[in-house]
Amino acid sequence: MSVAGPETTPVTAPPESEAGLSWRRMHPVTPVVRGWAVIVALLFVGLNNVGEDIGEAGEAVQDVGLGIVALVLAGVLLVVFAYCALAWRMMRYAVGPDAVHLHKGILFRQQRQARLDRVQAIDVVQPVLARIFQLGELRIEVAGGADSTVAIGFLKIDEANALRAEILARAAGVDLVDGEAAPVAPEETVLD
């Protein structure tokens, strides 16, 4: 009878491309900026349906109906706030020596990466609602085919520009020490 030692299960380390990365978070209002149209549409449909029901019921029930509407609206806003907070908590990005990594998603996790040697363009985009909050989204176009854009957003506009400079410097082969700022080219001025 032989006695076997305790079984050990191998511990799987994160892939080499993600080991030792410094993960960063987006701005906390990112889920609201991304999903504001859905939130407004839900509120519009809900208020429209409740408004029709109150109009048909008459004035006697109107006070009770408005209380119910307020409770339902508060419940919807609470659920939306909780979802936005959880979505923000699950979003993170990192810039490594060879690639930019992006993790996001609650139910369906997305793990995207943009290899620095395949970067074609990096744009800072500011949709209307993002401008109100002084935020920008970094869109990294990578050679590769359909759906090859990695969007990191939303960040404060200064952070987005600094991240753009850092990624461009790393893609050009400039070695940066963690925490070191990338060299920023002077802004071009166009004279009329």
N, C-alpha and C. Protein backbone atom coordinates (compact mmCIF):
# COMPACT_ATOMS: atom_id res chain seq x y z
N MET A 1 0.85 -1.16 0.00
CA MET A 1 0.00 0.00 0.00
C MET A 1 0.90 1.23 0.00
N SER A 2 0.69 2.07 -0.97
CA SER A 2 1.52 3.28 -1.06
C SER A 2 0.73 4.47 -0.57
N VAL A 3 1.42 5.33 0.08
CA VAL A 3 0.78 6.53 0.61
C VAL A 3 1.16 7.70 -0.29
N ALA A 4 0.17 8.33 -0.82
CA ALA A 4 0.43 9.47 -1.70
C ALA A 4 0.41 10.74 -0.88
N GLY A 5 1.23 11.65 -1.24
CA GLY A 5 1.26 12.94 -0.55
C GLY A 5 0.03 13.77 -0.90
N PRO A 6 -0.13 14.85 -0.21
CA PRO A 6 -1.29 15.69 -0.50
C PRO A 6 -1.21 16.25 -1.91
N GLU A 7 -2.36 16.28 -2.55
CA GLU A 7 -2.40 16.80 -3.91
C GLU A 7 -2.31 18.32 -3.86
N THR A 8 -1.57 18.83 -4.78
CA THR A 8 -1.48 20.29 -4.89
C THR A 8 -1.99 20.70 -6.25
N THR A 9 -2.75 21.72 -6.25
CA THR A 9 -3.25 22.24 -7.52
C THR A 9 -2.36 23.40 -7.93
N PRO A 10 -1.97 23.42 -9.18
CA PRO A 10 -1.10 24.51 -9.62
C PRO A 10 -1.85 25.84 -9.56
N VAL A 11 -1.16 26.83 -9.09
CA VAL A 11 -1.74 28.17 -9.04
C VAL A 11 -1.47 28.83 -10.37
N THR A 12 -2.52 29.27 -11.01
CA THR A 12 -2.34 29.90 -12.31
C THR A 12 -2.07 31.38 -12.11
N ALA A 13 -0.98 31.81 -12.64
CA ALA A 13 -0.62 33.23 -12.57
C ALA A 13 -1.31 33.97 -13.70
N PRO A 14 -1.50 35.25 -13.54
CA PRO A 14 -2.08 36.00 -14.65
C PRO A 14 -1.16 35.94 -15.86
N PRO A 15 -1.70 36.10 -17.05
CA PRO A 15 -0.85 36.05 -18.23
C PRO A 15 0.30 37.05 -18.11
N GLU A 16 1.41 36.72 -18.76
CA GLU A 16 2.58 37.58 -18.66
C GLU A 16 2.27 39.01 -19.08
N SER A 17 1.36 39.16 -20.03
CA SER A 17 1.06 40.50 -20.51
C SER A 17 0.34 41.34 -19.46
N GLU A 18 -0.26 40.70 -18.44
CA GLU A 18 -0.99 41.45 -17.43
C GLU A 18 -0.30 41.43 -16.07
N ALA A 19 0.81 40.75 -15.94
CA ALA A 19 1.50 40.67 -14.66
C ALA A 19 2.22 41.98 -14.36
N GLY A 20 2.07 42.46 -13.15
CA GLY A 20 2.78 43.65 -12.72
C GLY A 20 2.28 44.96 -13.30
N LEU A 21 1.07 44.98 -13.81
CA LEU A 21 0.53 46.22 -14.37
C LEU A 21 -0.06 47.10 -13.28
N SER A 22 -0.01 48.37 -13.50
CA SER A 22 -0.61 49.33 -12.58
C SER A 22 -2.00 49.68 -13.11
N TRP A 23 -3.04 49.12 -12.49
CA TRP A 23 -4.41 49.32 -12.95
C TRP A 23 -4.95 50.65 -12.47
N ARG A 24 -5.68 51.32 -13.35
CA ARG A 24 -6.26 52.62 -13.04
C ARG A 24 -7.76 52.57 -13.33
N ARG A 25 -8.49 53.48 -12.70
CA ARG A 25 -9.95 53.54 -12.88
C ARG A 25 -10.34 54.76 -13.71
N MET A 26 -11.50 54.64 -14.34
CA MET A 26 -12.07 55.76 -15.07
C MET A 26 -12.72 56.71 -14.07
N HIS A 27 -13.23 57.83 -14.57
CA HIS A 27 -13.93 58.79 -13.72
C HIS A 27 -15.24 58.15 -13.25
N PRO A 28 -15.66 58.42 -12.01
CA PRO A 28 -16.87 57.77 -11.47
C PRO A 28 -18.16 58.04 -12.23
N VAL A 29 -18.27 59.11 -13.00
CA VAL A 29 -19.51 59.37 -13.73
C VAL A 29 -19.52 58.71 -15.11
N THR A 30 -18.53 57.90 -15.41
CA THR A 30 -18.44 57.24 -16.72
C THR A 30 -19.71 56.46 -17.08
N PRO A 31 -20.26 55.61 -16.21
CA PRO A 31 -21.47 54.87 -16.58
C PRO A 31 -22.66 55.78 -16.87
N VAL A 32 -22.76 56.90 -16.17
CA VAL A 32 -23.87 57.83 -16.41
C VAL A 32 -23.69 58.51 -17.76
N VAL A 33 -22.46 58.92 -18.08
CA VAL A 33 -22.20 59.57 -19.36
C VAL A 33 -22.45 58.60 -20.51
N ARG A 34 -22.09 57.34 -20.33
CA ARG A 34 -22.31 56.34 -21.38
C ARG A 34 -23.79 55.99 -21.53
N GLY A 35 -24.52 55.90 -20.44
CA GLY A 35 -25.89 55.39 -20.49
C GLY A 35 -26.97 56.42 -20.27
N TRP A 36 -26.69 57.69 -20.44
CA TRP A 36 -27.68 58.71 -20.13
C TRP A 36 -28.91 58.60 -21.03
N ALA A 37 -28.77 58.20 -22.27
CA ALA A 37 -29.92 58.11 -23.17
C ALA A 37 -30.88 57.01 -22.72
N VAL A 38 -30.34 55.90 -22.24
CA VAL A 38 -31.18 54.81 -21.75
C VAL A 38 -31.94 55.25 -20.50
N ILE A 39 -31.25 55.94 -19.61
CA ILE A 39 -31.88 56.41 -18.37
C ILE A 39 -33.02 57.38 -18.69
N VAL A 40 -32.77 58.32 -19.59
CA VAL A 40 -33.81 59.29 -19.95
C VAL A 40 -34.98 58.60 -20.64
N ALA A 41 -34.71 57.64 -21.53
CA ALA A 41 -35.78 56.93 -22.22
C ALA A 41 -36.65 56.14 -21.23
N LEU A 42 -36.03 55.47 -20.27
CA LEU A 42 -36.80 54.72 -19.26
C LEU A 42 -37.68 55.66 -18.44
N LEU A 43 -37.12 56.78 -18.02
CA LEU A 43 -37.90 57.73 -17.24
C LEU A 43 -39.05 58.32 -18.07
N PHE A 44 -38.80 58.63 -19.34
CA PHE A 44 -39.83 59.19 -20.19
C PHE A 44 -40.99 58.20 -20.38
N VAL A 45 -40.66 56.96 -20.70
CA VAL A 45 -41.70 55.94 -20.90
C VAL A 45 -42.48 55.71 -19.61
N GLY A 46 -41.78 55.60 -18.50
CA GLY A 46 -42.45 55.38 -17.22
C GLY A 46 -43.37 56.53 -16.83
N LEU A 47 -42.87 57.75 -16.94
CA LEU A 47 -43.70 58.91 -16.59
C LEU A 47 -44.86 59.08 -17.56
N ASN A 48 -44.66 58.78 -18.82
CA ASN A 48 -45.72 58.90 -19.81
C ASN A 48 -46.85 57.91 -19.51
N ASN A 49 -46.50 56.66 -19.20
CA ASN A 49 -47.53 55.65 -18.89
C ASN A 49 -48.27 55.98 -17.59
N VAL A 50 -47.55 56.41 -16.59
CA VAL A 50 -48.18 56.74 -15.32
C VAL A 50 -49.05 57.98 -15.48
N GLY A 51 -48.60 58.94 -16.27
CA GLY A 51 -49.39 60.16 -16.50
C GLY A 51 -50.72 59.85 -17.16
N GLU A 52 -50.74 58.93 -18.11
CA GLU A 52 -51.99 58.54 -18.76
C GLU A 52 -52.93 57.86 -17.77
N ASP A 53 -52.39 56.99 -16.92
CA ASP A 53 -53.21 56.30 -15.93
C ASP A 53 -53.82 57.28 -14.95
N ILE A 54 -53.05 58.26 -14.52
CA ILE A 54 -53.56 59.26 -13.57
C ILE A 54 -54.64 60.10 -14.23
N GLY A 55 -54.45 60.46 -15.51
CA GLY A 55 -55.44 61.26 -16.22
C GLY A 55 -56.77 60.54 -16.34
N GLU A 56 -56.73 59.22 -16.54
CA GLU A 56 -57.96 58.45 -16.67
C GLU A 56 -58.63 58.23 -15.31
N ALA A 57 -57.88 58.16 -14.25
CA ALA A 57 -58.43 57.84 -12.94
C ALA A 57 -59.17 59.03 -12.32
N GLY A 58 -58.84 60.22 -12.69
CA GLY A 58 -59.53 61.38 -12.13
C GLY A 58 -58.71 62.04 -11.04
N GLU A 59 -59.21 63.17 -10.58
CA GLU A 59 -58.47 63.97 -9.60
C GLU A 59 -58.45 63.34 -8.22
N ALA A 60 -59.45 62.55 -7.85
CA ALA A 60 -59.49 61.97 -6.51
C ALA A 60 -58.32 61.03 -6.27
N VAL A 61 -57.89 60.35 -7.30
CA VAL A 61 -56.81 59.39 -7.15
C VAL A 61 -55.46 60.02 -7.48
N GLN A 62 -55.48 61.25 -7.94
CA GLN A 62 -54.25 61.89 -8.43
C GLN A 62 -53.18 62.00 -7.34
N ASP A 63 -53.56 62.38 -6.12
CA ASP A 63 -52.58 62.52 -5.05
C ASP A 63 -51.92 61.19 -4.72
N VAL A 64 -52.71 60.12 -4.67
CA VAL A 64 -52.17 58.79 -4.40
C VAL A 64 -51.28 58.36 -5.57
N GLY A 65 -51.73 58.64 -6.78
CA GLY A 65 -50.96 58.28 -7.98
C GLY A 65 -49.62 58.99 -8.03
N LEU A 66 -49.58 60.25 -7.64
CA LEU A 66 -48.32 60.99 -7.64
C LEU A 66 -47.36 60.43 -6.60
N GLY A 67 -47.87 59.99 -5.47
CA GLY A 67 -47.03 59.36 -4.45
C GLY A 67 -46.42 58.06 -4.96
N ILE A 68 -47.24 57.28 -5.66
CA ILE A 68 -46.74 56.03 -6.23
C ILE A 68 -45.70 56.31 -7.31
N VAL A 69 -45.98 57.33 -8.13
CA VAL A 69 -45.02 57.70 -9.17
C VAL A 69 -43.69 58.11 -8.54
N ALA A 70 -43.75 58.87 -7.48
CA ALA A 70 -42.52 59.31 -6.80
C ALA A 70 -41.76 58.12 -6.24
N LEU A 71 -42.47 57.15 -5.65
CA LEU A 71 -41.81 55.95 -5.12
C LEU A 71 -41.19 55.11 -6.23
N VAL A 72 -41.92 54.93 -7.31
CA VAL A 72 -41.41 54.14 -8.43
C VAL A 72 -40.19 54.84 -9.04
N LEU A 73 -40.30 56.14 -9.21
CA LEU A 73 -39.19 56.91 -9.76
C LEU A 73 -37.96 56.84 -8.86
N ALA A 74 -38.16 56.94 -7.55
CA ALA A 74 -37.05 56.82 -6.60
C ALA A 74 -36.44 55.43 -6.66
N GLY A 75 -37.27 54.40 -6.79
CA GLY A 75 -36.76 53.02 -6.89
C GLY A 75 -35.95 52.82 -8.16
N VAL A 76 -36.45 53.34 -9.28
CA VAL A 76 -35.72 53.22 -10.54
C VAL A 76 -34.39 53.94 -10.46
N LEU A 77 -34.38 55.14 -9.91
CA LEU A 77 -33.14 55.90 -9.77
C LEU A 77 -32.16 55.19 -8.84
N LEU A 78 -32.66 54.56 -7.79
CA LEU A 78 -31.79 53.81 -6.89
C LEU A 78 -31.15 52.62 -7.60
N VAL A 79 -31.94 51.90 -8.39
CA VAL A 79 -31.41 50.76 -9.14
C VAL A 79 -30.39 51.23 -10.18
N VAL A 80 -30.69 52.33 -10.87
CA VAL A 80 -29.76 52.88 -11.86
C VAL A 80 -28.46 53.31 -11.18
N PHE A 81 -28.57 53.97 -10.03
CA PHE A 81 -27.37 54.41 -9.31
C PHE A 81 -26.53 53.21 -8.88
N ALA A 82 -27.18 52.16 -8.37
CA ALA A 82 -26.45 50.96 -7.94
C ALA A 82 -25.76 50.29 -9.13
N TYR A 83 -26.46 50.21 -10.26
CA TYR A 83 -25.87 49.61 -11.45
C TYR A 83 -24.67 50.44 -11.92
N CYS A 84 -24.81 51.77 -11.94
CA CYS A 84 -23.71 52.64 -12.37
C CYS A 84 -22.50 52.50 -11.45
N ALA A 85 -22.75 52.42 -10.15
CA ALA A 85 -21.64 52.27 -9.19
C ALA A 85 -20.93 50.94 -9.39
N LEU A 86 -21.69 49.88 -9.61
CA LEU A 86 -21.08 48.57 -9.83
C LEU A 86 -20.34 48.52 -11.17
N ALA A 87 -20.92 49.13 -12.20
CA ALA A 87 -20.26 49.16 -13.51
C ALA A 87 -18.94 49.93 -13.42
N TRP A 88 -18.94 51.04 -12.69
CA TRP A 88 -17.70 51.82 -12.52
C TRP A 88 -16.66 50.99 -11.78
N ARG A 89 -17.09 50.27 -10.78
CA ARG A 89 -16.17 49.46 -9.97
C ARG A 89 -15.50 48.38 -10.82
N MET A 90 -16.19 47.89 -11.84
CA MET A 90 -15.67 46.80 -12.66
C MET A 90 -14.83 47.30 -13.84
N MET A 91 -14.79 48.61 -14.09
CA MET A 91 -14.01 49.16 -15.20
C MET A 91 -12.62 49.55 -14.73
N ARG A 92 -11.61 49.12 -15.49
CA ARG A 92 -10.25 49.52 -15.18
C ARG A 92 -9.39 49.36 -16.43
N TYR A 93 -8.28 50.06 -16.44
CA TYR A 93 -7.37 49.98 -17.58
C TYR A 93 -5.93 50.06 -17.07
N ALA A 94 -5.01 49.60 -17.90
CA ALA A 94 -3.59 49.65 -17.57
C ALA A 94 -2.79 49.81 -18.85
N VAL A 95 -1.67 50.51 -18.72
CA VAL A 95 -0.76 50.66 -19.85
C VAL A 95 0.50 49.88 -19.52
N GLY A 96 0.76 48.85 -20.30
CA GLY A 96 1.94 48.03 -20.09
C GLY A 96 3.02 48.37 -21.10
N PRO A 97 4.12 47.67 -21.05
CA PRO A 97 5.20 47.96 -21.98
C PRO A 97 4.87 47.57 -23.42
N ASP A 98 3.94 46.62 -23.60
CA ASP A 98 3.62 46.15 -24.95
C ASP A 98 2.19 46.42 -25.39
N ALA A 99 1.29 46.73 -24.44
CA ALA A 99 -0.13 46.87 -24.80
C ALA A 99 -0.87 47.72 -23.78
N VAL A 100 -2.04 48.19 -24.21
CA VAL A 100 -2.98 48.87 -23.32
C VAL A 100 -4.09 47.86 -23.05
N HIS A 101 -4.40 47.66 -21.77
CA HIS A 101 -5.39 46.66 -21.36
C HIS A 101 -6.63 47.36 -20.82
N LEU A 102 -7.81 46.81 -21.14
CA LEU A 102 -9.07 47.35 -20.67
C LEU A 102 -9.94 46.20 -20.20
N HIS A 103 -10.44 46.30 -18.96
CA HIS A 103 -11.37 45.31 -18.40
C HIS A 103 -12.64 46.04 -18.02
N LYS A 104 -13.80 45.51 -18.42
CA LYS A 104 -15.07 46.11 -18.04
C LYS A 104 -16.18 45.09 -18.16
N GLY A 105 -17.35 45.44 -17.62
CA GLY A 105 -18.52 44.59 -17.72
C GLY A 105 -18.92 44.00 -16.39
N ILE A 106 -20.22 43.83 -16.20
CA ILE A 106 -20.74 43.24 -14.98
C ILE A 106 -21.16 41.80 -15.26
N LEU A 107 -22.17 41.62 -16.07
CA LEU A 107 -22.63 40.27 -16.41
C LEU A 107 -21.75 39.64 -17.48
N PHE A 108 -21.38 40.43 -18.46
CA PHE A 108 -20.56 39.96 -19.56
C PHE A 108 -19.23 40.70 -19.50
N ARG A 109 -18.21 40.02 -19.01
CA ARG A 109 -16.89 40.64 -18.85
C ARG A 109 -16.21 40.79 -20.20
N GLN A 110 -15.65 41.97 -20.42
CA GLN A 110 -14.85 42.22 -21.62
C GLN A 110 -13.42 42.48 -21.20
N GLN A 111 -12.50 41.84 -21.87
CA GLN A 111 -11.09 42.08 -21.63
C GLN A 111 -10.47 42.35 -22.99
N ARG A 112 -10.15 43.63 -23.22
CA ARG A 112 -9.61 44.04 -24.51
C ARG A 112 -8.18 44.50 -24.32
N GLN A 113 -7.42 44.41 -25.38
CA GLN A 113 -6.08 44.96 -25.34
C GLN A 113 -5.73 45.52 -26.70
N ALA A 114 -4.93 46.57 -26.70
CA ALA A 114 -4.44 47.19 -27.92
C ALA A 114 -2.93 47.11 -27.89
N ARG A 115 -2.37 46.32 -28.76
CA ARG A 115 -0.91 46.20 -28.82
C ARG A 115 -0.31 47.50 -29.31
N LEU A 116 0.73 47.96 -28.64
CA LEU A 116 1.32 49.25 -28.96
C LEU A 116 2.00 49.26 -30.33
N ASP A 117 2.50 48.12 -30.77
CA ASP A 117 3.15 48.08 -32.08
C ASP A 117 2.16 48.11 -33.23
N ARG A 118 0.85 48.04 -32.93
CA ARG A 118 -0.19 48.06 -33.96
C ARG A 118 -1.07 49.31 -33.88
N VAL A 119 -0.73 50.25 -33.02
CA VAL A 119 -1.52 51.47 -32.87
C VAL A 119 -1.45 52.30 -34.14
N GLN A 120 -2.62 52.70 -34.64
CA GLN A 120 -2.69 53.55 -35.82
C GLN A 120 -3.08 54.98 -35.48
N ALA A 121 -3.98 55.14 -34.52
CA ALA A 121 -4.42 56.49 -34.14
C ALA A 121 -4.94 56.48 -32.72
N ILE A 122 -4.78 57.60 -32.05
CA ILE A 122 -5.32 57.77 -30.70
C ILE A 122 -6.02 59.13 -30.68
N ASP A 123 -7.31 59.10 -30.43
CA ASP A 123 -8.11 60.33 -30.41
C ASP A 123 -8.70 60.55 -29.04
N VAL A 124 -8.82 61.81 -28.65
CA VAL A 124 -9.55 62.19 -27.44
C VAL A 124 -10.87 62.77 -27.92
N VAL A 125 -11.96 62.11 -27.55
CA VAL A 125 -13.30 62.48 -28.00
C VAL A 125 -14.10 63.01 -26.82
N GLN A 126 -14.87 64.08 -27.06
CA GLN A 126 -15.71 64.67 -26.02
C GLN A 126 -17.15 64.81 -26.52
N PRO A 127 -18.01 63.83 -26.23
CA PRO A 127 -19.43 64.02 -26.54
C PRO A 127 -20.02 65.15 -25.70
N VAL A 128 -21.23 65.56 -26.01
CA VAL A 128 -21.84 66.73 -25.37
C VAL A 128 -21.89 66.59 -23.85
N LEU A 129 -22.41 65.49 -23.34
CA LEU A 129 -22.54 65.33 -21.89
C LEU A 129 -21.17 65.25 -21.22
N ALA A 130 -20.18 64.68 -21.90
CA ALA A 130 -18.83 64.61 -21.34
C ALA A 130 -18.22 66.01 -21.22
N ARG A 131 -18.54 66.90 -22.14
CA ARG A 131 -18.03 68.27 -22.06
C ARG A 131 -18.55 68.99 -20.82
N ILE A 132 -19.77 68.69 -20.44
CA ILE A 132 -20.34 69.31 -19.25
C ILE A 132 -19.51 68.94 -18.02
N PHE A 133 -19.08 67.69 -17.94
CA PHE A 133 -18.29 67.22 -16.81
C PHE A 133 -16.78 67.40 -17.02
N GLN A 134 -16.37 68.02 -18.14
CA GLN A 134 -14.95 68.20 -18.48
C GLN A 134 -14.22 66.86 -18.59
N LEU A 135 -14.86 65.92 -19.29
CA LEU A 135 -14.31 64.58 -19.46
C LEU A 135 -14.03 64.30 -20.93
N GLY A 136 -13.18 63.33 -21.18
CA GLY A 136 -12.89 62.91 -22.54
C GLY A 136 -12.71 61.41 -22.60
N GLU A 137 -12.97 60.85 -23.77
CA GLU A 137 -12.80 59.41 -23.99
C GLU A 137 -11.63 59.21 -24.93
N LEU A 138 -10.76 58.29 -24.58
CA LEU A 138 -9.59 57.98 -25.39
C LEU A 138 -9.95 56.81 -26.29
N ARG A 139 -9.88 57.01 -27.60
CA ARG A 139 -10.16 55.94 -28.55
C ARG A 139 -8.87 55.56 -29.26
N ILE A 140 -8.49 54.31 -29.06
CA ILE A 140 -7.24 53.81 -29.63
C ILE A 140 -7.58 52.91 -30.81
N GLU A 141 -7.21 53.35 -32.00
CA GLU A 141 -7.43 52.57 -33.22
C GLU A 141 -6.21 51.68 -33.44
N VAL A 142 -6.48 50.40 -33.62
CA VAL A 142 -5.41 49.42 -33.79
C VAL A 142 -5.61 48.71 -35.12
N ALA A 143 -4.52 48.46 -35.82
CA ALA A 143 -4.61 47.71 -37.07
C ALA A 143 -5.10 46.31 -36.75
N GLY A 144 -6.09 45.86 -37.48
CA GLY A 144 -6.54 44.52 -37.16
C GLY A 144 -7.84 44.11 -37.78
N GLY A 145 -8.74 44.95 -38.08
CA GLY A 145 -9.99 44.50 -38.65
C GLY A 145 -11.19 45.10 -37.96
N ALA A 146 -12.29 44.38 -38.02
CA ALA A 146 -13.54 44.88 -37.46
C ALA A 146 -13.46 45.00 -35.95
N ASP A 147 -14.02 46.05 -35.42
CA ASP A 147 -14.11 46.29 -33.99
C ASP A 147 -12.72 46.27 -33.32
N SER A 148 -11.80 46.99 -33.94
CA SER A 148 -10.44 47.00 -33.40
C SER A 148 -10.17 48.25 -32.57
N THR A 149 -11.20 49.01 -32.23
CA THR A 149 -11.04 50.21 -31.42
C THR A 149 -11.19 49.86 -29.95
N VAL A 150 -10.26 50.36 -29.14
CA VAL A 150 -10.35 50.21 -27.69
C VAL A 150 -10.65 51.60 -27.14
N ALA A 151 -11.78 51.74 -26.45
CA ALA A 151 -12.22 53.04 -25.93
C ALA A 151 -12.05 53.06 -24.41
N ILE A 152 -11.21 53.95 -23.93
CA ILE A 152 -11.00 54.14 -22.50
C ILE A 152 -11.67 55.44 -22.12
N GLY A 153 -12.70 55.34 -21.36
CA GLY A 153 -13.39 56.57 -21.00
C GLY A 153 -14.42 56.33 -19.94
N PHE A 154 -14.65 57.32 -19.29
CA PHE A 154 -14.25 58.70 -19.48
C PHE A 154 -13.25 59.11 -18.41
N LEU A 155 -12.31 59.98 -18.80
CA LEU A 155 -11.28 60.49 -17.91
C LEU A 155 -11.35 62.01 -17.92
N LYS A 156 -10.81 62.64 -16.88
CA LYS A 156 -10.68 64.09 -16.92
C LYS A 156 -9.88 64.43 -18.16
N ILE A 157 -10.21 65.53 -18.80
CA ILE A 157 -9.62 65.85 -20.09
C ILE A 157 -8.09 65.95 -20.01
N ASP A 158 -7.57 66.47 -18.91
CA ASP A 158 -6.11 66.55 -18.75
C ASP A 158 -5.49 65.16 -18.64
N GLU A 159 -6.16 64.28 -17.90
CA GLU A 159 -5.68 62.90 -17.77
C GLU A 159 -5.73 62.18 -19.11
N ALA A 160 -6.79 62.42 -19.89
CA ALA A 160 -6.92 61.78 -21.20
C ALA A 160 -5.79 62.22 -22.13
N ASN A 161 -5.48 63.51 -22.12
CA ASN A 161 -4.38 64.01 -22.96
C ASN A 161 -3.03 63.47 -22.49
N ALA A 162 -2.83 63.38 -21.18
CA ALA A 162 -1.58 62.83 -20.65
C ALA A 162 -1.45 61.34 -20.98
N LEU A 163 -2.56 60.60 -20.88
CA LEU A 163 -2.55 59.18 -21.23
C LEU A 163 -2.28 59.00 -22.72
N ARG A 164 -2.85 59.85 -23.54
CA ARG A 164 -2.59 59.81 -24.99
C ARG A 164 -1.11 60.00 -25.26
N ALA A 165 -0.51 60.99 -24.61
CA ALA A 165 0.93 61.25 -24.79
C ALA A 165 1.76 60.06 -24.32
N GLU A 166 1.36 59.46 -23.19
CA GLU A 166 2.10 58.30 -22.67
C GLU A 166 2.03 57.12 -23.63
N ILE A 167 0.84 56.85 -24.17
CA ILE A 167 0.69 55.72 -25.08
C ILE A 167 1.46 55.97 -26.38
N LEU A 168 1.39 57.20 -26.90
CA LEU A 168 2.13 57.53 -28.11
C LEU A 168 3.64 57.39 -27.88
N ALA A 169 4.11 57.81 -26.71
CA ALA A 169 5.54 57.70 -26.40
C ALA A 169 5.94 56.23 -26.32
N ARG A 170 5.14 55.42 -25.66
CA ARG A 170 5.47 53.99 -25.54
C ARG A 170 5.41 53.31 -26.91
N ALA A 171 4.43 53.69 -27.74
CA ALA A 171 4.31 53.11 -29.08
C ALA A 171 5.50 53.50 -29.95
N ALA A 172 6.08 54.68 -29.70
CA ALA A 172 7.25 55.13 -30.46
C ALA A 172 8.54 54.51 -29.95
N GLY A 173 8.47 53.79 -28.84
CA GLY A 173 9.64 53.12 -28.32
C GLY A 173 10.35 53.86 -27.20
N VAL A 174 9.76 54.93 -26.69
CA VAL A 174 10.36 55.66 -25.58
C VAL A 174 10.10 54.88 -24.31
N ASP A 175 11.16 54.55 -23.58
CA ASP A 175 11.01 53.82 -22.33
C ASP A 175 10.63 54.79 -21.22
N LEU A 176 9.50 54.53 -20.59
CA LEU A 176 9.02 55.37 -19.49
C LEU A 176 9.06 54.57 -18.21
N VAL A 177 9.51 55.20 -17.16
CA VAL A 177 9.47 54.60 -15.84
C VAL A 177 8.08 54.87 -15.28
N ASP A 178 7.52 53.92 -14.51
CA ASP A 178 6.19 54.13 -13.94
C ASP A 178 6.14 55.44 -13.18
N GLY A 179 5.13 56.23 -13.46
CA GLY A 179 4.96 57.51 -12.80
C GLY A 179 5.64 58.66 -13.54
N GLU A 180 6.46 58.35 -14.56
CA GLU A 180 7.13 59.39 -15.31
C GLU A 180 6.18 59.91 -16.38
N ALA A 181 6.16 61.20 -16.54
CA ALA A 181 5.29 61.81 -17.54
C ALA A 181 5.93 61.68 -18.91
N ALA A 182 5.08 61.46 -19.91
CA ALA A 182 5.56 61.37 -21.28
C ALA A 182 5.85 62.77 -21.80
N PRO A 183 6.83 62.89 -22.68
CA PRO A 183 7.10 64.21 -23.25
C PRO A 183 5.91 64.65 -24.08
N VAL A 184 5.51 65.89 -23.92
CA VAL A 184 4.36 66.43 -24.63
C VAL A 184 4.87 67.39 -25.69
N ALA A 185 4.43 67.16 -26.92
CA ALA A 185 4.83 68.05 -28.01
C ALA A 185 4.09 69.36 -27.87
N PRO A 186 4.72 70.47 -28.25
CA PRO A 186 4.03 71.75 -28.16
C PRO A 186 2.83 71.75 -29.11
N GLU A 187 1.79 72.46 -28.71
CA GLU A 187 0.60 72.54 -29.53
C GLU A 187 0.88 73.36 -30.76
N GLU A 188 0.32 72.91 -31.89
CA GLU A 188 0.49 73.65 -33.13
C GLU A 188 -0.52 74.78 -33.17
N THR A 189 -0.10 75.92 -33.66
CA THR A 189 -1.01 77.03 -33.83
C THR A 189 -1.16 77.31 -35.31
N VAL A 190 -2.37 77.53 -35.72
CA VAL A 190 -2.66 77.82 -37.11
C VAL A 190 -3.01 79.28 -37.21
N LEU A 191 -2.26 79.99 -38.04
CA LEU A 191 -2.53 81.41 -38.24
C LEU A 191 -3.29 81.60 -39.52
N ASP A 192 -4.28 82.44 -39.48
CA ASP A 192 -5.09 82.71 -40.68
C ASP A 192 -4.43 83.74 -41.56
